Amino acid sequence: MAADLPLPARLLVDAFERVQGSVHGVVDGLDEEALVWRPDAEANSVAWLVWHLARVQDDHVVGVAERLGRPPAEQVWTAGGWARRFDLPFDDAAHGYGHSSDEVEQVRAPAELLTGYDEIVDTR
């Protein structure tokens, strides 16, 4: 299927397939405190990294689809109600680029929520 796509889309598919399944392996067995642990004040937590990874993929998949001439689509972050479930104090368009240390600290979510969002984004 990916062979039929233009090169930029194939590159994204390849990148996303490489991380597919890794999220569960990283978060399985971690409680919420372990998910938000940061080795220092400037480091990113596992929760933030997983959320950011899924948010970027969600954003990019919609963008690539639109560039391929597909009808405009809404990201699953908002269309699927994930923004409400996470209840983060950010604009719905936020995906983590440029986040400050304080903003990284605000991404708190249980493993099931993180993996659920990642799975639905990956399926899309």
N, C-alpha and C. Protein backbone atom coordinates (compact mmCIF):
# COMPACT_ATOMS: atom_id res chain seq x y z
N MET A 1 0.82 -1.18 0.00
CA MET A 1 0.00 0.00 0.00
C MET A 1 0.87 1.25 0.00
N ALA A 2 1.90 1.29 0.83
CA ALA A 2 2.75 2.47 0.91
C ALA A 2 3.49 2.71 -0.40
N ALA A 3 3.74 1.68 -1.19
CA ALA A 3 4.47 1.84 -2.45
C ALA A 3 3.69 2.71 -3.43
N ASP A 4 2.37 2.79 -3.26
CA ASP A 4 1.53 3.60 -4.15
C ASP A 4 1.52 5.07 -3.76
N LEU A 5 2.11 5.41 -2.63
CA LEU A 5 2.08 6.78 -2.12
C LEU A 5 3.28 7.57 -2.63
N PRO A 6 3.17 8.89 -2.68
CA PRO A 6 4.33 9.72 -3.02
C PRO A 6 5.41 9.57 -1.94
N LEU A 7 6.63 9.89 -2.29
CA LEU A 7 7.77 9.71 -1.39
C LEU A 7 7.56 10.32 -0.01
N PRO A 8 7.10 11.57 0.13
CA PRO A 8 6.94 12.12 1.49
C PRO A 8 5.98 11.28 2.34
N ALA A 9 4.90 10.81 1.75
CA ALA A 9 3.95 9.98 2.49
C ALA A 9 4.57 8.64 2.85
N ARG A 10 5.34 8.04 1.93
CA ARG A 10 6.01 6.76 2.22
C ARG A 10 7.00 6.92 3.37
N LEU A 11 7.70 8.05 3.41
CA LEU A 11 8.65 8.29 4.51
C LEU A 11 7.94 8.36 5.86
N LEU A 12 6.80 9.03 5.88
CA LEU A 12 6.03 9.10 7.13
C LEU A 12 5.51 7.72 7.53
N VAL A 13 4.99 6.97 6.57
CA VAL A 13 4.50 5.62 6.87
C VAL A 13 5.64 4.78 7.45
N ASP A 14 6.81 4.85 6.84
CA ASP A 14 7.96 4.09 7.33
C ASP A 14 8.32 4.51 8.76
N ALA A 15 8.37 5.79 9.01
CA ALA A 15 8.73 6.28 10.35
C ALA A 15 7.70 5.84 11.38
N PHE A 16 6.42 5.95 11.05
CA PHE A 16 5.39 5.58 12.01
C PHE A 16 5.36 4.07 12.24
N GLU A 17 5.62 3.28 11.20
CA GLU A 17 5.66 1.83 11.38
C GLU A 17 6.81 1.40 12.27
N ARG A 18 7.91 2.13 12.25
CA ARG A 18 9.06 1.79 13.08
C ARG A 18 8.77 1.94 14.56
N VAL A 19 7.90 2.86 14.92
CA VAL A 19 7.58 3.05 16.33
C VAL A 19 6.30 2.33 16.76
N GLN A 20 5.57 1.78 15.78
CA GLN A 20 4.32 1.09 16.08
C GLN A 20 4.61 -0.05 17.06
N GLY A 21 3.85 -0.13 18.08
CA GLY A 21 4.02 -1.19 19.06
C GLY A 21 5.00 -0.86 20.16
N SER A 22 5.87 0.10 19.94
CA SER A 22 6.84 0.46 20.97
C SER A 22 6.19 1.14 22.16
N VAL A 23 5.12 1.85 21.92
CA VAL A 23 4.47 2.60 23.00
C VAL A 23 4.04 1.66 24.12
N HIS A 24 3.39 0.57 23.77
CA HIS A 24 2.95 -0.37 24.81
C HIS A 24 4.14 -0.91 25.60
N GLY A 25 5.20 -1.25 24.91
CA GLY A 25 6.38 -1.78 25.58
C GLY A 25 7.00 -0.78 26.54
N VAL A 26 6.88 0.49 26.23
CA VAL A 26 7.46 1.53 27.08
C VAL A 26 6.57 1.80 28.30
N VAL A 27 5.27 1.89 28.12
CA VAL A 27 4.40 2.30 29.22
C VAL A 27 3.82 1.15 30.05
N ASP A 28 3.81 -0.07 29.49
CA ASP A 28 3.23 -1.19 30.24
C ASP A 28 3.91 -1.35 31.59
N GLY A 29 3.10 -1.41 32.62
CA GLY A 29 3.61 -1.59 33.97
C GLY A 29 3.98 -0.31 34.69
N LEU A 30 3.90 0.82 34.01
CA LEU A 30 4.23 2.09 34.66
C LEU A 30 2.96 2.73 35.24
N ASP A 31 3.04 3.13 36.50
CA ASP A 31 1.93 3.87 37.07
C ASP A 31 2.07 5.34 36.68
N GLU A 32 1.11 6.14 37.06
CA GLU A 32 1.10 7.54 36.62
C GLU A 32 2.32 8.30 37.13
N GLU A 33 2.78 7.99 38.33
CA GLU A 33 3.97 8.67 38.85
C GLU A 33 5.21 8.33 38.04
N ALA A 34 5.35 7.09 37.63
CA ALA A 34 6.49 6.70 36.80
C ALA A 34 6.40 7.34 35.42
N LEU A 35 5.19 7.47 34.91
CA LEU A 35 4.99 8.07 33.59
C LEU A 35 5.38 9.54 33.56
N VAL A 36 5.24 10.24 34.68
CA VAL A 36 5.55 11.67 34.70
C VAL A 36 6.91 11.97 35.31
N TRP A 37 7.63 10.94 35.73
CA TRP A 37 8.96 11.15 36.32
C TRP A 37 9.90 11.74 35.28
N ARG A 38 10.72 12.69 35.73
CA ARG A 38 11.71 13.35 34.87
C ARG A 38 13.03 13.37 35.62
N PRO A 39 14.11 12.94 34.98
CA PRO A 39 15.41 12.89 35.67
C PRO A 39 15.93 14.26 36.09
N ASP A 40 15.49 15.30 35.40
CA ASP A 40 15.80 16.67 35.82
C ASP A 40 14.72 17.59 35.27
N ALA A 41 14.77 18.84 35.67
CA ALA A 41 13.70 19.79 35.34
C ALA A 41 13.55 20.08 33.86
N GLU A 42 14.57 19.81 33.08
CA GLU A 42 14.51 20.10 31.63
C GLU A 42 14.21 18.86 30.79
N ALA A 43 14.11 17.71 31.41
CA ALA A 43 13.86 16.46 30.68
C ALA A 43 12.36 16.30 30.40
N ASN A 44 12.06 15.50 29.42
CA ASN A 44 10.67 15.17 29.11
C ASN A 44 10.30 13.87 29.82
N SER A 45 9.06 13.78 30.24
CA SER A 45 8.57 12.55 30.87
C SER A 45 8.13 11.56 29.80
N VAL A 46 7.97 10.31 30.19
CA VAL A 46 7.45 9.30 29.26
C VAL A 46 6.05 9.70 28.82
N ALA A 47 5.23 10.18 29.76
CA ALA A 47 3.86 10.59 29.39
C ALA A 47 3.89 11.67 28.32
N TRP A 48 4.73 12.68 28.51
CA TRP A 48 4.79 13.76 27.52
C TRP A 48 5.29 13.22 26.18
N LEU A 49 6.32 12.38 26.21
CA LEU A 49 6.88 11.85 24.96
C LEU A 49 5.86 11.03 24.18
N VAL A 50 5.11 10.19 24.86
CA VAL A 50 4.10 9.37 24.18
C VAL A 50 2.98 10.26 23.65
N TRP A 51 2.52 11.20 24.47
CA TRP A 51 1.48 12.12 24.02
C TRP A 51 1.97 12.91 22.80
N HIS A 52 3.16 13.44 22.88
CA HIS A 52 3.73 14.24 21.78
C HIS A 52 3.87 13.39 20.51
N LEU A 53 4.38 12.19 20.63
CA LEU A 53 4.53 11.30 19.48
C LEU A 53 3.19 11.08 18.78
N ALA A 54 2.16 10.78 19.56
CA ALA A 54 0.84 10.54 18.98
C ALA A 54 0.23 11.82 18.40
N ARG A 55 0.42 12.94 19.09
CA ARG A 55 -0.12 14.21 18.59
C ARG A 55 0.52 14.59 17.26
N VAL A 56 1.83 14.43 17.16
CA VAL A 56 2.52 14.77 15.91
C VAL A 56 2.04 13.85 14.79
N GLN A 57 1.91 12.55 15.07
CA GLN A 57 1.44 11.63 14.04
C GLN A 57 0.02 12.00 13.61
N ASP A 58 -0.84 12.28 14.55
CA ASP A 58 -2.21 12.67 14.25
C ASP A 58 -2.22 13.90 13.32
N ASP A 59 -1.45 14.89 13.68
CA ASP A 59 -1.34 16.12 12.88
C ASP A 59 -0.79 15.84 11.48
N HIS A 60 0.27 15.07 11.40
CA HIS A 60 0.93 14.84 10.12
C HIS A 60 0.09 13.97 9.18
N VAL A 61 -0.60 12.98 9.73
CA VAL A 61 -1.42 12.11 8.88
C VAL A 61 -2.53 12.92 8.22
N VAL A 62 -3.16 13.79 8.98
CA VAL A 62 -4.21 14.65 8.41
C VAL A 62 -3.61 15.57 7.35
N GLY A 63 -2.45 16.14 7.65
CA GLY A 63 -1.80 17.04 6.70
C GLY A 63 -1.42 16.35 5.40
N VAL A 64 -0.87 15.16 5.49
CA VAL A 64 -0.48 14.42 4.29
C VAL A 64 -1.71 14.04 3.48
N ALA A 65 -2.76 13.58 4.15
CA ALA A 65 -3.99 13.19 3.44
C ALA A 65 -4.54 14.38 2.65
N GLU A 66 -4.53 15.55 3.27
CA GLU A 66 -5.03 16.73 2.58
C GLU A 66 -4.15 17.09 1.39
N ARG A 67 -2.83 16.93 1.54
CA ARG A 67 -1.91 17.21 0.42
C ARG A 67 -2.10 16.22 -0.72
N LEU A 68 -2.59 15.02 -0.40
CA LEU A 68 -2.84 14.02 -1.43
C LEU A 68 -4.21 14.21 -2.08
N GLY A 69 -4.90 15.30 -1.70
CA GLY A 69 -6.18 15.60 -2.32
C GLY A 69 -7.37 14.98 -1.64
N ARG A 70 -7.17 14.42 -0.48
CA ARG A 70 -8.29 13.84 0.26
C ARG A 70 -9.09 14.98 0.90
N PRO A 71 -10.36 14.74 1.14
CA PRO A 71 -11.17 15.80 1.77
C PRO A 71 -10.57 16.17 3.14
N PRO A 72 -10.71 17.41 3.52
CA PRO A 72 -10.18 17.82 4.83
C PRO A 72 -10.75 16.95 5.94
N ALA A 73 -9.90 16.58 6.86
CA ALA A 73 -10.32 15.73 7.98
C ALA A 73 -9.91 16.39 9.28
N GLU A 74 -10.62 16.06 10.31
CA GLU A 74 -10.29 16.57 11.64
C GLU A 74 -9.39 15.54 12.32
N GLN A 75 -8.44 16.01 13.09
CA GLN A 75 -7.57 15.10 13.83
C GLN A 75 -8.40 14.31 14.83
N VAL A 76 -7.99 13.07 15.11
CA VAL A 76 -8.73 12.26 16.08
C VAL A 76 -8.63 12.87 17.48
N TRP A 77 -7.63 13.70 17.72
CA TRP A 77 -7.48 14.39 19.01
C TRP A 77 -8.77 15.11 19.38
N THR A 78 -9.35 15.81 18.40
CA THR A 78 -10.58 16.53 18.67
C THR A 78 -11.81 15.74 18.21
N ALA A 79 -11.76 15.15 17.04
CA ALA A 79 -12.91 14.43 16.49
C ALA A 79 -13.29 13.23 17.36
N GLY A 80 -12.30 12.59 17.96
CA GLY A 80 -12.57 11.41 18.78
C GLY A 80 -12.71 11.70 20.26
N GLY A 81 -12.68 12.97 20.63
CA GLY A 81 -12.88 13.34 22.02
C GLY A 81 -11.66 13.14 22.91
N TRP A 82 -10.49 12.90 22.31
CA TRP A 82 -9.29 12.67 23.13
C TRP A 82 -8.83 13.93 23.85
N ALA A 83 -9.03 15.08 23.25
CA ALA A 83 -8.64 16.33 23.92
C ALA A 83 -9.42 16.48 25.23
N ARG A 84 -10.70 16.15 25.20
CA ARG A 84 -11.51 16.23 26.42
C ARG A 84 -11.05 15.20 27.45
N ARG A 85 -10.75 13.99 26.99
CA ARG A 85 -10.33 12.93 27.93
C ARG A 85 -9.01 13.27 28.61
N PHE A 86 -8.07 13.81 27.85
CA PHE A 86 -6.78 14.18 28.45
C PHE A 86 -6.93 15.43 29.33
N ASP A 87 -7.83 16.33 28.96
CA ASP A 87 -8.10 17.54 29.73
C ASP A 87 -6.82 18.32 30.06
N LEU A 88 -6.02 18.55 29.04
CA LEU A 88 -4.77 19.30 29.23
C LEU A 88 -5.04 20.80 29.10
N PRO A 89 -4.25 21.62 29.76
CA PRO A 89 -4.48 23.06 29.74
C PRO A 89 -3.88 23.75 28.52
N PHE A 90 -3.96 23.09 27.36
CA PHE A 90 -3.39 23.64 26.13
C PHE A 90 -4.50 23.83 25.10
N ASP A 91 -4.22 24.65 24.12
CA ASP A 91 -5.09 24.77 22.96
C ASP A 91 -5.17 23.39 22.29
N ASP A 92 -6.31 23.06 21.70
CA ASP A 92 -6.47 21.75 21.05
C ASP A 92 -5.48 21.52 19.92
N ALA A 93 -4.92 22.57 19.35
CA ALA A 93 -3.95 22.42 18.26
C ALA A 93 -2.55 22.09 18.77
N ALA A 94 -2.31 22.20 20.06
CA ALA A 94 -0.97 21.96 20.61
C ALA A 94 -0.56 20.51 20.42
N HIS A 95 0.70 20.32 20.06
CA HIS A 95 1.24 18.96 19.94
C HIS A 95 2.61 18.83 20.58
N GLY A 96 3.03 19.84 21.31
CA GLY A 96 4.24 19.74 22.10
C GLY A 96 5.45 20.48 21.60
N TYR A 97 5.50 20.82 20.31
CA TYR A 97 6.65 21.56 19.82
C TYR A 97 6.75 22.89 20.55
N GLY A 98 7.90 23.18 21.07
CA GLY A 98 8.12 24.43 21.77
C GLY A 98 7.63 24.46 23.20
N HIS A 99 7.19 23.32 23.71
CA HIS A 99 6.71 23.31 25.09
C HIS A 99 7.83 23.62 26.07
N SER A 100 7.48 24.39 27.07
CA SER A 100 8.41 24.70 28.15
C SER A 100 8.45 23.53 29.14
N SER A 101 9.39 23.59 30.04
CA SER A 101 9.48 22.58 31.08
C SER A 101 8.19 22.53 31.90
N ASP A 102 7.62 23.68 32.18
CA ASP A 102 6.36 23.73 32.94
C ASP A 102 5.22 23.06 32.17
N GLU A 103 5.18 23.25 30.86
CA GLU A 103 4.14 22.63 30.05
C GLU A 103 4.33 21.11 29.98
N VAL A 104 5.58 20.67 29.87
CA VAL A 104 5.86 19.23 29.87
C VAL A 104 5.31 18.61 31.15
N GLU A 105 5.51 19.28 32.25
CA GLU A 105 5.07 18.78 33.55
C GLU A 105 3.56 18.63 33.65
N GLN A 106 2.82 19.38 32.85
CA GLN A 106 1.36 19.35 32.91
C GLN A 106 0.74 18.17 32.17
N VAL A 107 1.53 17.45 31.39
CA VAL A 107 1.00 16.28 30.68
C VAL A 107 1.05 15.10 31.64
N ARG A 108 -0.11 14.81 32.21
CA ARG A 108 -0.28 13.71 33.15
C ARG A 108 -1.43 12.86 32.63
N ALA A 109 -1.19 11.58 32.48
CA ALA A 109 -2.23 10.69 31.98
C ALA A 109 -1.87 9.25 32.34
N PRO A 110 -2.88 8.43 32.59
CA PRO A 110 -2.60 7.02 32.85
C PRO A 110 -2.18 6.30 31.56
N ALA A 111 -1.51 5.20 31.73
CA ALA A 111 -1.00 4.43 30.59
C ALA A 111 -2.12 4.08 29.60
N GLU A 112 -3.29 3.71 30.11
CA GLU A 112 -4.39 3.29 29.24
C GLU A 112 -4.85 4.43 28.33
N LEU A 113 -4.83 5.64 28.84
CA LEU A 113 -5.22 6.79 28.02
C LEU A 113 -4.17 7.07 26.95
N LEU A 114 -2.92 7.02 27.34
CA LEU A 114 -1.83 7.25 26.39
C LEU A 114 -1.82 6.21 25.28
N THR A 115 -1.92 4.94 25.65
CA THR A 115 -1.89 3.88 24.64
C THR A 115 -3.16 3.87 23.80
N GLY A 116 -4.30 4.22 24.40
CA GLY A 116 -5.55 4.28 23.64
C GLY A 116 -5.49 5.32 22.54
N TYR A 117 -5.00 6.50 22.89
CA TYR A 117 -4.88 7.54 21.86
C TYR A 117 -3.86 7.15 20.80
N ASP A 118 -2.73 6.62 21.22
CA ASP A 118 -1.71 6.19 20.27
C ASP A 118 -2.25 5.14 19.31
N GLU A 119 -3.01 4.19 19.83
CA GLU A 119 -3.56 3.11 18.99
C GLU A 119 -4.51 3.65 17.93
N ILE A 120 -5.41 4.56 18.33
CA ILE A 120 -6.39 5.07 17.38
C ILE A 120 -5.71 5.92 16.32
N VAL A 121 -4.68 6.67 16.71
CA VAL A 121 -3.93 7.46 15.75
C VAL A 121 -3.19 6.53 14.79
N ASP A 122 -2.58 5.50 15.32
CA ASP A 122 -1.84 4.56 14.49
C ASP A 122 -2.77 3.83 13.52
N THR A 123 -3.95 3.48 13.97
CA THR A 123 -4.93 2.80 13.10
C THR A 123 -5.33 3.70 11.94
N ARG A 124 -5.48 4.97 12.23
CA ARG A 124 -5.88 5.91 11.19
C ARG A 124 -4.81 5.99 10.12
